[in-house]
Amino acid sequence: MLTLSVACELLALLSLGLVRPWGETVPRWIPVIGGRPVRPPAAVVPAAAGALALTALWAAMPLWWTYPHPDMTPAGRLLVGVIYQPLVLWGPLLGAVTVSYYRRTRGSRTAHTNTP
């Protein structure tokens, strides 16, 4: 469970690269590749795959209250259901940000072909 939580947090942090400047140019402090432009497919393909995976993973969450939970109290079941409902939006919103990133960087493909 800890590994899953850390992985989700890291992936959420990486999704910020789709809206921040370091999603188009690698920060200079990163060894070897720092300062180089990010090729759009290197960001779009994993982000799109992540959006699809997250959408599939959390698709059943709106039905939380229809599943039996014999080991939970009614208050606990309500609390878990309410707290986890925003995760349903994570996949579709990541997909929207991915499309926006793709549209913004689509014209810069030729700029990346001449880099050393």
Protein backbone atom coordinates (compact mmCIF):
# COMPACT_ATOMS: atom_id res chain seq x y z
CA MET A 1 0.00 0.00 0.00
CA LEU A 2 2.88 2.35 0.78
CA THR A 3 4.47 1.69 -2.63
CA LEU A 4 1.17 2.38 -4.38
CA SER A 5 0.73 5.64 -2.46
CA VAL A 6 4.26 6.83 -3.26
CA ALA A 7 3.86 5.86 -6.93
CA CYS A 8 0.58 7.78 -7.18
CA GLU A 9 2.16 10.86 -5.60
CA LEU A 10 5.14 10.74 -7.97
CA LEU A 11 2.90 10.32 -11.00
CA ALA A 12 0.74 13.21 -9.84
CA LEU A 13 3.88 15.33 -9.52
CA LEU A 14 4.99 14.35 -13.02
CA SER A 15 1.64 15.45 -14.40
CA LEU A 16 2.58 18.98 -13.34
CA GLY A 17 5.17 18.88 -16.12
CA LEU A 18 2.32 19.10 -18.60
CA VAL A 19 1.45 22.60 -17.37
CA ARG A 20 4.79 23.91 -16.08
CA PRO A 21 7.75 25.17 -18.14
CA TRP A 22 9.88 22.17 -17.15
CA GLY A 23 7.49 20.04 -19.20
CA GLU A 24 8.90 21.65 -22.34
CA THR A 25 12.54 22.09 -21.32
CA VAL A 26 14.30 19.81 -18.84
CA PRO A 27 15.56 21.84 -15.84
CA ARG A 28 19.30 22.58 -16.07
CA TRP A 29 20.04 21.00 -12.68
CA ILE A 30 19.20 17.51 -13.99
CA PRO A 31 22.45 15.75 -15.00
CA VAL A 32 23.11 14.83 -18.65
CA ILE A 33 19.77 15.99 -20.11
CA GLY A 34 19.35 19.33 -18.31
CA GLY A 35 18.49 22.24 -20.59
CA ARG A 36 17.36 20.08 -23.50
CA PRO A 37 13.86 20.38 -24.91
CA VAL A 38 11.38 17.65 -24.03
CA ARG A 39 10.15 15.81 -27.12
CA PRO A 40 6.34 16.00 -27.01
CA PRO A 41 5.76 12.24 -27.53
CA ALA A 42 7.97 11.55 -24.50
CA ALA A 43 5.42 13.38 -22.37
CA VAL A 44 2.18 12.76 -24.29
CA VAL A 45 2.38 8.97 -24.62
CA PRO A 46 2.97 8.18 -20.91
CA ALA A 47 0.47 10.85 -19.85
CA ALA A 48 -2.23 9.47 -22.16
CA ALA A 49 -1.54 5.92 -20.96
CA GLY A 50 -1.74 7.14 -17.37
CA ALA A 51 -5.02 8.94 -18.03
CA LEU A 52 -6.54 5.78 -19.49
CA ALA A 53 -5.22 3.64 -16.63
CA LEU A 54 -6.50 6.03 -13.96
CA THR A 55 -9.89 6.30 -15.61
CA ALA A 56 -10.18 2.50 -15.69
CA LEU A 57 -8.86 2.14 -12.12
CA TRP A 58 -11.29 4.59 -10.53
CA ALA A 59 -14.30 4.04 -12.83
CA ALA A 60 -16.13 1.90 -10.26
CA MET A 61 -15.71 4.38 -7.40
CA PRO A 62 -19.05 6.16 -7.97
CA LEU A 63 -20.68 2.80 -7.25
CA TRP A 64 -18.93 2.54 -3.85
CA TRP A 65 -22.19 2.67 -1.95
CA THR A 66 -23.71 -0.23 -3.90
CA TYR A 67 -20.98 -2.71 -2.88
CA PRO A 68 -21.30 -4.60 0.39
CA HIS A 69 -18.81 -3.55 3.09
CA PRO A 70 -19.54 -5.82 6.05
CA ASP A 71 -16.30 -4.91 7.82
CA MET A 72 -17.10 -1.16 7.89
CA THR A 73 -19.47 0.89 9.95
CA PRO A 74 -22.02 2.98 8.04
CA ALA A 75 -20.15 6.17 9.03
CA GLY A 76 -16.83 4.68 7.87
CA ARG A 77 -18.33 3.60 4.58
CA LEU A 78 -19.73 7.09 4.01
CA LEU A 79 -16.42 8.74 4.92
CA VAL A 80 -14.36 6.52 2.60
CA GLY A 81 -16.84 7.01 -0.21
CA VAL A 82 -16.82 10.79 0.08
CA ILE A 83 -13.04 11.06 0.47
CA TYR A 84 -12.25 8.90 -2.56
CA GLN A 85 -14.87 10.33 -4.95
CA PRO A 86 -12.53 13.05 -6.35
CA LEU A 87 -10.22 10.30 -7.65
CA VAL A 88 -12.85 9.55 -10.28
CA LEU A 89 -11.90 12.85 -11.95
CA TRP A 90 -8.13 12.26 -11.91
CA GLY A 91 -8.00 10.24 -15.15
CA PRO A 92 -10.29 12.47 -17.25
CA LEU A 93 -8.61 15.65 -15.99
CA LEU A 94 -5.15 14.22 -16.75
CA GLY A 95 -6.47 13.39 -20.21
CA ALA A 96 -7.63 16.99 -20.69
CA VAL A 97 -4.25 18.36 -19.58
CA THR A 98 -2.51 15.90 -21.91
CA VAL A 99 -4.58 17.08 -24.88
CA SER A 100 -3.79 20.69 -23.97
CA TYR A 101 -0.05 19.92 -23.75
CA TYR A 102 -0.18 18.12 -27.10
CA ARG A 103 -1.93 21.04 -28.79
CA ARG A 104 0.50 23.55 -27.26
CA THR A 105 3.62 21.61 -28.29
CA ARG A 106 2.40 20.13 -31.58
CA GLY A 107 4.03 22.84 -33.68
CA SER A 108 7.39 22.50 -31.92
CA ARG A 109 8.18 19.01 -33.28
CA THR A 110 10.51 20.37 -35.93
CA ALA A 111 12.43 22.41 -33.36
CA HIS A 112 13.40 19.20 -31.54
CA THR A 113 14.83 17.43 -34.58
CA ASN A 114 17.84 19.76 -34.90
CA THR A 115 19.05 19.51 -31.31
CA PRO A 116 22.38 17.78 -30.73
